[in-house]
Amino acid sequence: MTTPHHGEDFLHDLRLRSAAEGGVFWLDDGQLAVFEPAAARLVSRTNWDGLVMSDRLVDMIRRRRSTTVPWSRVRAAWLTQLHTLSTGEHTAAMITRMEQVVDTRLGDDVDLVLLAQDIAVRSVLPVALSGLTVRESALITRDLEQKLLRLIDRHPGRGPLHHVRFAAVQVRAGLVVRRVLRDRASGRRVREPDLTDPIVDLLPELGMDRALDVVTAVLTAIGGPPGSAAASVLYEFARNPRWAQRLTRELRGVDRAEFCAAPARAAPVTHRFVKEVLRMWSPPLLLVRNARVSSDVGTTRLEKGQRYLVSPHMIHRDHRVWQRADTFDPDRFLPGAPHGPADRTCYVPFGWAPKRCIGADIGTVQLMALCHLMCTRYRLTVPDTDAVTMACRFAPVPQHFRGHIARR
């Protein structure tokens, strides 16, 4: 879970305390901040080891234990499926879906944060859950949209009626997921190459409620951070015309099929650009965890049940491990760059092993594909880039970020 929206001043104070106290310190509310790279890696691994899924609701009501299912087993099933989705054909299909979203907004004055979210969700949704009807897709997308608006404080709505409507959309989206799982298991619906399908095979052990929770967790994950990262890519693209020109020169010389087959190899400058965006603006900013077991974190003892904070953002802005940490410079990722990461444990935009985000590779490709489109098919215009600022919500969110996109 993420922390509340504390804002820039809170994050600035955390950075100062982290620098003064070695990256591990207690907050006034009794939470342990773990912002030192090695300590964050240790506590994340310790908290993940042996983690199993919660008991089914029906079993908790009947006061009995459910079949034990380690989270590592679910994760392994997802990673196996993702391997089949990491092909040039699937990348090309994702780019086509991105184009379909952008084409509907050509020439309009648009909120680029919301457009980036729409591009991110609609292009990657079939990776999580595919084979949906138009109505089913609309229900899932609406659920993700309303959750995002709450996270970034856009039109959150107030009052009991709003909360009822919010809950109703969640329930209807959950019913879609339940129906897909049930229909695939019974053969009434075709099995699809997505992250939901491995859960169908685990249904006998998980039960429907736990399976529903697992798939919903994947859907929720694609409904926030990817859109924030996409908006941050557009933000840096608009604010750094020199880098936009470098990316354009590179990507115009790359055949789309070649790009889809191996994006990082075909477009290394673009790859560095995306990596630097993720370093500067890693979503979410802060993560709150409950300690499952007691452990020593440096010279501090973290007891079972206590809360702690980890933050890729804090590590990525730590001047002890990154030179010129607040400067946007993708060339820091060139081999041997003196201002690059002190070591690989200092670059963690997708979290820490063994719980690193399963969608890290697809997420990176998605952001590179967005750059590809902005450099080869479309032209992004932001009238007043100086007015655009970055605010700290659940993740970095550009403010006053409007513009229009035209076809090249």
Protein backbone atom coordinates (compact mmCIF):
# COMPACT_ATOMS: atom_id res chain seq x y z
CA MET A 1 0.00 0.00 0.00
CA THR A 2 1.10 3.59 -0.54
CA THR A 3 1.29 6.39 1.96
CA PRO A 4 -1.10 9.36 1.98
CA HIS A 5 -0.27 12.36 -0.22
CA HIS A 6 2.31 14.08 1.97
CA GLY A 7 3.68 16.41 -0.69
CA GLU A 8 7.03 17.89 -1.66
CA ASP A 9 7.87 19.35 1.77
CA PHE A 10 7.42 16.00 3.46
CA LEU A 11 9.62 14.26 0.89
CA HIS A 12 12.25 16.99 1.21
CA ASP A 13 12.34 16.53 4.98
CA LEU A 14 12.67 12.78 4.54
CA ARG A 15 15.65 13.26 2.21
CA LEU A 16 17.38 15.53 4.72
CA ARG A 17 16.83 13.07 7.57
CA SER A 18 17.93 10.16 5.41
CA ALA A 19 21.19 11.94 4.54
CA ALA A 20 21.81 12.82 8.19
CA GLU A 21 20.89 9.44 9.68
CA GLY A 22 22.30 7.00 7.15
CA GLY A 23 19.07 6.09 5.41
CA VAL A 24 17.45 4.14 8.29
CA PHE A 25 15.52 6.05 10.96
CA TRP A 26 12.28 6.06 12.94
CA LEU A 27 9.51 8.49 12.05
CA ASP A 28 7.39 10.20 14.68
CA ASP A 29 4.43 7.94 13.90
CA GLY A 30 6.42 4.83 14.78
CA GLN A 31 7.22 3.73 11.23
CA LEU A 32 10.75 2.81 10.24
CA ALA A 33 12.09 4.57 7.13
CA VAL A 34 14.40 2.21 5.22
CA PHE A 35 16.00 4.28 2.47
CA GLU A 36 19.53 2.82 2.45
CA PRO A 37 19.87 0.51 -0.58
CA ALA A 38 21.31 -2.57 1.14
CA ALA A 39 18.91 -2.27 4.08
CA ALA A 40 15.90 -1.88 1.78
CA ARG A 41 16.97 -4.94 -0.19
CA LEU A 42 17.41 -6.96 3.02
CA VAL A 43 14.09 -6.05 4.62
CA SER A 44 12.21 -6.63 1.35
CA ARG A 45 13.71 -10.09 0.93
CA THR A 46 13.12 -11.00 4.58
CA ASN A 47 9.51 -9.91 4.42
CA TRP A 48 8.89 -11.88 1.22
CA ASP A 49 10.49 -15.19 2.23
CA GLY A 50 7.84 -17.82 2.88
CA LEU A 51 4.94 -15.47 2.15
CA VAL A 52 1.71 -17.39 1.52
CA MET A 53 -1.72 -16.26 0.43
CA SER A 54 -4.31 -15.46 3.07
CA ASP A 55 -6.96 -18.04 3.85
CA ARG A 56 -10.16 -18.01 1.84
CA LEU A 57 -12.99 -15.96 3.32
CA VAL A 58 -15.26 -18.99 3.65
CA ASP A 59 -12.55 -20.85 5.53
CA MET A 60 -11.93 -17.92 7.86
CA ILE A 61 -15.66 -17.82 8.64
CA ARG A 62 -15.62 -21.57 9.36
CA ARG A 63 -12.37 -21.20 11.33
CA ARG A 64 -10.38 -23.63 9.25
CA ARG A 65 -7.22 -23.38 7.22
CA SER A 66 -7.25 -23.09 3.44
CA THR A 67 -4.93 -24.95 1.12
CA THR A 68 -1.56 -23.25 1.47
CA VAL A 69 -0.48 -21.48 -1.70
CA PRO A 70 2.89 -19.66 -1.61
CA TRP A 71 2.94 -16.34 -3.40
CA SER A 72 6.12 -17.51 -5.10
CA ARG A 73 4.08 -20.15 -6.94
CA VAL A 74 1.65 -17.55 -8.29
CA ARG A 75 4.56 -15.35 -9.26
CA ALA A 76 6.32 -18.21 -11.08
CA ALA A 77 3.14 -18.92 -13.07
CA TRP A 78 2.93 -15.27 -14.08
CA LEU A 79 6.58 -15.09 -15.11
CA THR A 80 6.20 -18.18 -17.27
CA GLN A 81 3.22 -16.60 -19.00
CA LEU A 82 5.02 -13.29 -19.44
CA HIS A 83 7.80 -15.08 -21.27
CA THR A 84 5.29 -16.06 -23.95
CA LEU A 85 4.07 -12.46 -24.16
CA SER A 86 7.53 -10.92 -24.58
CA THR A 87 7.69 -11.25 -28.35
CA GLY A 88 7.88 -8.80 -31.21
CA GLU A 89 4.36 -9.76 -32.24
CA HIS A 90 2.91 -8.81 -28.84
CA THR A 91 4.94 -5.58 -28.75
CA ALA A 92 3.62 -4.63 -32.18
CA ALA A 93 0.06 -5.31 -31.02
CA MET A 94 0.61 -3.13 -27.96
CA ILE A 95 1.87 -0.26 -30.15
CA THR A 96 -1.18 -0.59 -32.37
CA ARG A 97 -3.45 -0.28 -29.34
CA MET A 98 -1.53 2.83 -28.26
CA GLU A 99 -2.05 4.35 -31.71
CA GLN A 100 -5.76 3.67 -31.53
CA VAL A 101 -6.03 5.70 -28.32
CA VAL A 102 -3.95 8.62 -29.60
CA ASP A 103 -5.75 8.76 -32.94
CA THR A 104 -9.02 9.57 -31.18
CA ARG A 105 -7.51 12.72 -29.65
CA LEU A 106 -5.52 14.19 -32.54
CA GLY A 107 -5.66 17.97 -32.64
CA ASP A 108 -7.55 18.26 -29.34
CA ASP A 109 -6.35 20.30 -26.41
CA VAL A 110 -5.90 17.44 -23.94
CA ASP A 111 -4.89 16.81 -20.36
CA LEU A 112 -1.72 14.87 -21.09
CA VAL A 113 -1.72 13.13 -17.69
CA LEU A 114 -5.11 11.58 -18.36
CA LEU A 115 -4.20 10.81 -21.96
CA ALA A 116 -1.03 9.05 -20.80
CA GLN A 117 -3.08 7.01 -18.34
CA ASP A 118 -5.55 6.04 -21.05
CA ILE A 119 -2.73 5.01 -23.38
CA ALA A 120 -1.05 2.96 -20.66
CA VAL A 121 -4.18 1.15 -19.47
CA ARG A 122 -5.74 0.36 -22.83
CA SER A 123 -2.48 -0.80 -24.38
CA VAL A 124 -1.54 -3.19 -21.60
CA LEU A 125 -4.97 -4.36 -20.38
CA PRO A 126 -4.99 -7.39 -22.75
CA VAL A 127 -1.72 -8.52 -21.14
CA ALA A 128 -3.56 -8.79 -17.82
CA LEU A 129 -7.03 -9.75 -19.00
CA SER A 130 -8.03 -10.32 -22.62
CA GLY A 131 -10.91 -11.79 -24.59
CA LEU A 132 -13.38 -9.33 -23.06
CA THR A 133 -16.54 -8.06 -24.69
CA VAL A 134 -16.80 -4.33 -25.34
CA ARG A 135 -19.04 -3.94 -22.30
CA GLU A 136 -16.76 -5.97 -20.05
CA SER A 137 -13.72 -3.99 -21.16
CA ALA A 138 -15.53 -0.73 -20.50
CA LEU A 139 -16.41 -1.83 -16.94
CA ILE A 140 -12.83 -2.81 -16.13
CA THR A 141 -11.45 0.37 -17.65
CA ARG A 142 -13.94 2.53 -15.76
CA ASP A 143 -12.94 0.91 -12.49
CA LEU A 144 -9.27 1.60 -13.15
CA GLU A 145 -9.99 5.18 -14.21
CA GLN A 146 -11.91 6.06 -11.06
CA LYS A 147 -9.20 4.57 -8.86
CA LEU A 148 -6.60 6.67 -10.64
CA LEU A 149 -8.60 9.87 -10.27
CA ARG A 150 -8.67 9.30 -6.53
CA LEU A 151 -4.95 8.68 -6.42
CA ILE A 152 -4.05 11.87 -8.27
CA ASP A 153 -6.77 14.02 -6.69
CA ARG A 154 -8.57 14.65 -9.97
CA HIS A 155 -12.34 15.03 -9.61
CA PRO A 156 -12.42 12.66 -6.63
CA GLY A 157 -16.07 13.34 -5.84
CA ARG A 158 -17.62 13.81 -2.45
CA GLY A 159 -20.54 12.54 -0.43
CA PRO A 160 -22.29 9.23 0.17
CA LEU A 161 -23.74 8.96 -3.32
CA HIS A 162 -20.28 9.21 -4.89
CA HIS A 163 -18.93 6.47 -2.63
CA VAL A 164 -21.87 4.22 -3.50
CA ARG A 165 -21.23 4.72 -7.21
CA PHE A 166 -17.51 4.13 -6.71
CA ALA A 167 -18.21 0.85 -4.90
CA ALA A 168 -20.78 -0.19 -7.51
CA VAL A 169 -18.24 0.15 -10.31
CA GLN A 170 -15.75 -1.95 -8.32
CA VAL A 171 -18.33 -4.65 -7.71
CA ARG A 172 -19.33 -4.80 -11.38
CA ALA A 173 -15.67 -5.01 -12.45
CA GLY A 174 -15.14 -7.81 -9.94
CA LEU A 175 -18.08 -9.69 -11.39
CA VAL A 176 -16.48 -9.46 -14.83
CA VAL A 177 -13.26 -11.03 -13.52
CA ARG A 178 -15.21 -13.73 -11.68
CA ARG A 179 -17.18 -14.55 -14.83
CA VAL A 180 -14.02 -14.78 -16.95
CA LEU A 181 -12.35 -17.14 -14.45
CA ARG A 182 -15.43 -19.32 -14.16
CA ASP A 183 -16.07 -19.45 -17.92
CA ARG A 184 -12.49 -20.29 -18.80
CA ALA A 185 -12.39 -23.03 -16.17
CA SER A 186 -15.62 -24.56 -17.49
CA GLY A 187 -14.66 -24.28 -21.15
CA ARG A 188 -17.40 -21.77 -21.98
CA ARG A 189 -14.76 -19.17 -22.79
CA VAL A 190 -11.53 -19.59 -24.76
CA ARG A 191 -8.30 -19.67 -22.77
CA GLU A 192 -6.25 -16.55 -23.55
CA PRO A 193 -2.49 -15.83 -23.33
CA ASP A 194 -2.72 -13.33 -20.47
CA LEU A 195 -1.86 -13.09 -16.77
CA THR A 196 -5.33 -14.22 -15.76
CA ASP A 197 -5.01 -17.59 -17.48
CA PRO A 198 -2.44 -19.19 -15.12
CA ILE A 199 -4.81 -18.41 -12.26
CA VAL A 200 -7.47 -20.57 -13.94
CA ASP A 201 -5.19 -23.59 -13.46
CA LEU A 202 -4.73 -22.66 -9.79
CA LEU A 203 -8.46 -22.24 -9.11
CA PRO A 204 -8.88 -25.61 -7.34
CA GLU A 205 -6.26 -24.62 -4.78
CA LEU A 206 -6.96 -20.90 -4.57
CA GLY A 207 -10.73 -20.91 -4.60
CA MET A 208 -12.67 -18.21 -6.41
CA ASP A 209 -12.25 -15.46 -3.80
CA ARG A 210 -8.46 -15.72 -3.68
CA ALA A 211 -8.24 -16.05 -7.46
CA LEU A 212 -10.37 -12.94 -7.80
CA ASP A 213 -8.08 -11.06 -5.41
CA VAL A 214 -5.00 -12.10 -7.41
CA VAL A 215 -6.38 -10.97 -10.77
CA THR A 216 -7.75 -7.76 -9.27
CA ALA A 217 -4.30 -7.02 -7.85
CA VAL A 218 -2.81 -7.28 -11.35
CA LEU A 219 -5.49 -5.01 -12.79
CA THR A 220 -4.97 -2.46 -10.03
CA ALA A 221 -1.23 -2.50 -10.70
CA ILE A 222 -1.74 -1.52 -14.35
CA GLY A 223 -4.18 1.24 -13.39
CA GLY A 224 -1.81 3.60 -11.62
CA PRO A 225 2.00 3.41 -11.89
CA PRO A 226 2.19 2.71 -15.67
CA GLY A 227 0.08 5.77 -16.45
CA SER A 228 2.11 7.91 -14.08
CA ALA A 229 5.33 6.71 -15.71
CA ALA A 230 3.92 7.40 -19.18
CA ALA A 231 2.97 10.94 -18.13
CA SER A 232 6.50 11.42 -16.77
CA VAL A 233 7.96 10.28 -20.12
CA LEU A 234 5.87 12.90 -21.92
CA TYR A 235 6.84 15.47 -19.27
CA GLU A 236 10.58 14.99 -19.82
CA PHE A 237 10.09 14.68 -23.57
CA ALA A 238 8.41 18.11 -23.62
CA ARG A 239 10.84 19.76 -21.19
CA ASN A 240 14.01 18.46 -22.82
CA PRO A 241 13.87 19.25 -26.55
CA ARG A 242 17.53 18.31 -26.99
CA TRP A 243 16.80 14.79 -25.78
CA ALA A 244 13.61 14.67 -27.84
CA GLN A 245 15.70 15.43 -30.92
CA ARG A 246 18.22 12.71 -30.04
CA LEU A 247 15.45 10.17 -29.64
CA THR A 248 13.86 11.27 -32.91
CA ARG A 249 17.12 10.86 -34.81
CA GLU A 250 17.61 7.40 -33.36
CA LEU A 251 14.08 6.08 -33.73
CA ARG A 252 13.55 7.36 -37.28
CA GLY A 253 16.44 5.19 -38.32
CA VAL A 254 15.02 2.05 -36.71
CA ASP A 255 12.64 -0.23 -38.56
CA ARG A 256 9.49 -0.88 -36.51
CA ALA A 257 9.87 -4.66 -36.78
CA GLU A 258 13.45 -4.35 -35.53
CA PHE A 259 12.28 -2.14 -32.67
CA CYS A 260 9.52 -4.56 -31.67
CA ALA A 261 11.86 -7.53 -31.72
CA ALA A 262 14.46 -6.01 -29.38
CA PRO A 263 13.72 -2.43 -28.27
CA ALA A 264 16.70 -1.93 -25.96
CA ARG A 265 19.18 -3.17 -28.56
CA ALA A 266 17.55 -1.31 -31.45
CA ALA A 267 17.22 2.01 -29.57
CA PRO A 268 19.81 2.30 -26.78
CA VAL A 269 19.45 6.09 -26.43
CA THR A 270 15.70 5.72 -25.97
CA HIS A 271 16.32 2.94 -23.45
CA ARG A 272 18.58 5.21 -21.41
CA PHE A 273 16.01 8.00 -21.61
CA VAL A 274 13.28 5.75 -20.20
CA LYS A 275 15.59 4.46 -17.47
CA GLU A 276 16.37 8.01 -16.40
CA VAL A 277 12.68 8.95 -16.34
CA LEU A 278 12.07 5.98 -14.06
CA ARG A 279 14.97 6.99 -11.85
CA MET A 280 13.76 10.56 -11.46
CA TRP A 281 10.05 9.80 -11.19
CA SER A 282 9.61 6.28 -9.87
CA PRO A 283 5.97 5.49 -9.07
CA PRO A 284 4.79 5.07 -6.36
CA LEU A 285 6.88 7.43 -4.23
CA LEU A 286 6.55 5.66 -0.89
CA LEU A 287 5.47 2.14 0.01
CA VAL A 288 4.24 1.12 3.46
CA ARG A 289 4.78 -2.46 4.58
CA ASN A 290 3.98 -4.45 7.71
CA ALA A 291 6.88 -6.56 8.99
CA ARG A 292 5.90 -10.23 8.86
CA VAL A 293 8.88 -11.28 10.93
CA SER A 294 11.31 -9.55 13.26
CA SER A 295 14.67 -8.64 11.76
CA ASP A 296 17.74 -6.49 12.26
CA VAL A 297 17.94 -3.57 9.85
CA GLY A 298 21.42 -2.18 10.29
CA THR A 299 21.70 -1.22 13.93
CA THR A 300 17.90 -1.06 14.30
CA ARG A 301 15.54 -3.84 15.31
CA LEU A 302 12.29 -4.08 13.34
CA GLU A 303 9.75 -6.15 15.23
CA LYS A 304 7.01 -8.27 13.72
CA GLY A 305 3.89 -6.20 13.11
CA GLN A 306 5.69 -2.86 12.95
CA ARG A 307 5.37 -0.75 9.83
CA TYR A 308 8.22 0.36 7.64
CA LEU A 309 8.65 2.53 4.54
CA VAL A 310 10.68 1.76 1.45
CA SER A 311 11.11 4.09 -1.50
CA PRO A 312 12.88 3.70 -4.84
CA HIS A 313 12.39 7.46 -5.21
CA MET A 314 14.46 8.17 -2.10
CA ILE A 315 17.24 5.84 -3.17
CA HIS A 316 17.27 7.31 -6.68
CA ARG A 317 17.64 10.84 -5.27
CA ASP A 318 20.32 9.95 -2.71
CA HIS A 319 23.42 12.05 -3.38
CA ARG A 320 25.55 9.50 -1.56
CA VAL A 321 24.98 6.93 -4.30
CA TRP A 322 24.16 9.12 -7.33
CA GLN A 323 26.19 12.10 -8.48
CA ARG A 324 24.02 15.04 -9.59
CA ALA A 325 21.01 13.05 -8.42
CA ASP A 326 18.53 15.84 -9.18
CA THR A 327 19.74 16.37 -12.75
CA PHE A 328 17.98 14.65 -15.62
CA ASP A 329 20.72 12.99 -17.67
CA PRO A 330 20.08 9.65 -19.41
CA ASP A 331 23.78 9.37 -20.28
CA ARG A 332 24.44 8.46 -16.65
CA PHE A 333 23.47 4.95 -17.79
CA LEU A 334 26.30 4.74 -20.30
CA PRO A 335 28.86 2.09 -19.28
CA GLY A 336 31.41 3.60 -16.92
CA ALA A 337 29.60 6.94 -16.52
CA PRO A 338 30.93 8.53 -13.30
CA HIS A 339 27.50 9.83 -12.33
CA GLY A 340 25.80 6.49 -12.86
CA PRO A 341 24.56 4.15 -10.13
CA ALA A 342 27.08 3.16 -7.48
CA ASP A 343 25.95 -0.42 -8.16
CA ARG A 344 22.88 -2.15 -9.54
CA THR A 345 21.18 -2.30 -6.13
CA CYS A 346 20.83 1.50 -6.26
CA TYR A 347 18.53 1.41 -9.28
CA VAL A 348 15.22 -0.14 -8.28
CA PRO A 349 12.31 1.48 -10.19
CA PHE A 350 10.42 -1.81 -10.09
CA GLY A 351 11.27 -2.77 -6.53
CA TRP A 352 13.55 -5.37 -5.06
CA ALA A 353 14.12 -9.05 -5.77
CA PRO A 354 12.58 -11.49 -5.16
CA LYS A 355 9.39 -9.37 -5.22
CA ARG A 356 10.42 -7.16 -8.13
CA CYS A 357 7.46 -6.13 -10.28
CA ILE A 358 6.68 -8.93 -12.72
CA GLY A 359 5.80 -6.37 -15.38
CA ALA A 360 9.17 -4.60 -15.33
CA ASP A 361 10.21 -5.65 -18.81
CA ILE A 362 6.84 -5.04 -20.45
CA GLY A 363 6.56 -1.72 -18.61
CA THR A 364 9.91 -0.56 -19.96
CA VAL A 365 9.01 -1.64 -23.49
CA GLN A 366 5.67 0.17 -23.21
CA LEU A 367 7.42 3.45 -22.30
CA MET A 368 9.94 3.01 -25.10
CA ALA A 369 7.05 2.36 -27.50
CA LEU A 370 5.45 5.63 -26.38
CA CYS A 371 8.70 7.43 -27.23
CA HIS A 372 8.76 5.65 -30.59
CA LEU A 373 5.29 6.92 -31.45
CA MET A 374 6.02 10.48 -30.33
CA CYS A 375 9.14 10.55 -32.51
CA THR A 376 7.98 8.76 -35.65
CA ARG A 377 4.19 8.99 -35.97
CA TYR A 378 3.07 11.95 -33.87
CA ARG A 379 4.21 15.40 -32.85
CA LEU A 380 3.62 16.52 -29.25
CA THR A 381 3.17 20.25 -28.62
CA VAL A 382 3.03 21.75 -25.13
CA PRO A 383 2.45 25.53 -25.42
CA ASP A 384 4.04 26.56 -22.12
CA THR A 385 6.49 24.02 -20.76
CA ASP A 386 7.70 26.45 -18.09
CA ALA A 387 4.26 26.34 -16.50
CA VAL A 388 4.38 22.57 -16.12
CA THR A 389 5.44 21.36 -12.69
CA MET A 390 5.70 17.97 -11.04
CA ALA A 391 3.58 17.34 -7.94
CA CYS A 392 3.91 14.49 -5.47
CA ARG A 393 0.76 12.44 -5.13
CA PHE A 394 0.81 8.65 -4.85
CA ALA A 395 3.40 9.05 -7.60
CA PRO A 396 4.93 12.03 -9.41
CA VAL A 397 2.12 13.67 -11.39
CA PRO A 398 2.73 16.57 -13.83
CA GLN A 399 0.57 19.62 -13.17
CA HIS A 400 -0.80 22.10 -15.72
CA PHE A 401 0.28 19.61 -18.36
CA ARG A 402 -1.85 20.23 -21.39
CA GLY A 403 -1.06 20.13 -25.09
CA HIS A 404 -2.05 18.59 -28.35
CA ILE A 405 -0.83 15.81 -30.58
CA ALA A 406 -0.76 15.94 -34.36
CA ARG A 407 0.25 13.36 -36.92
CA ARG A 408 3.68 13.88 -38.44
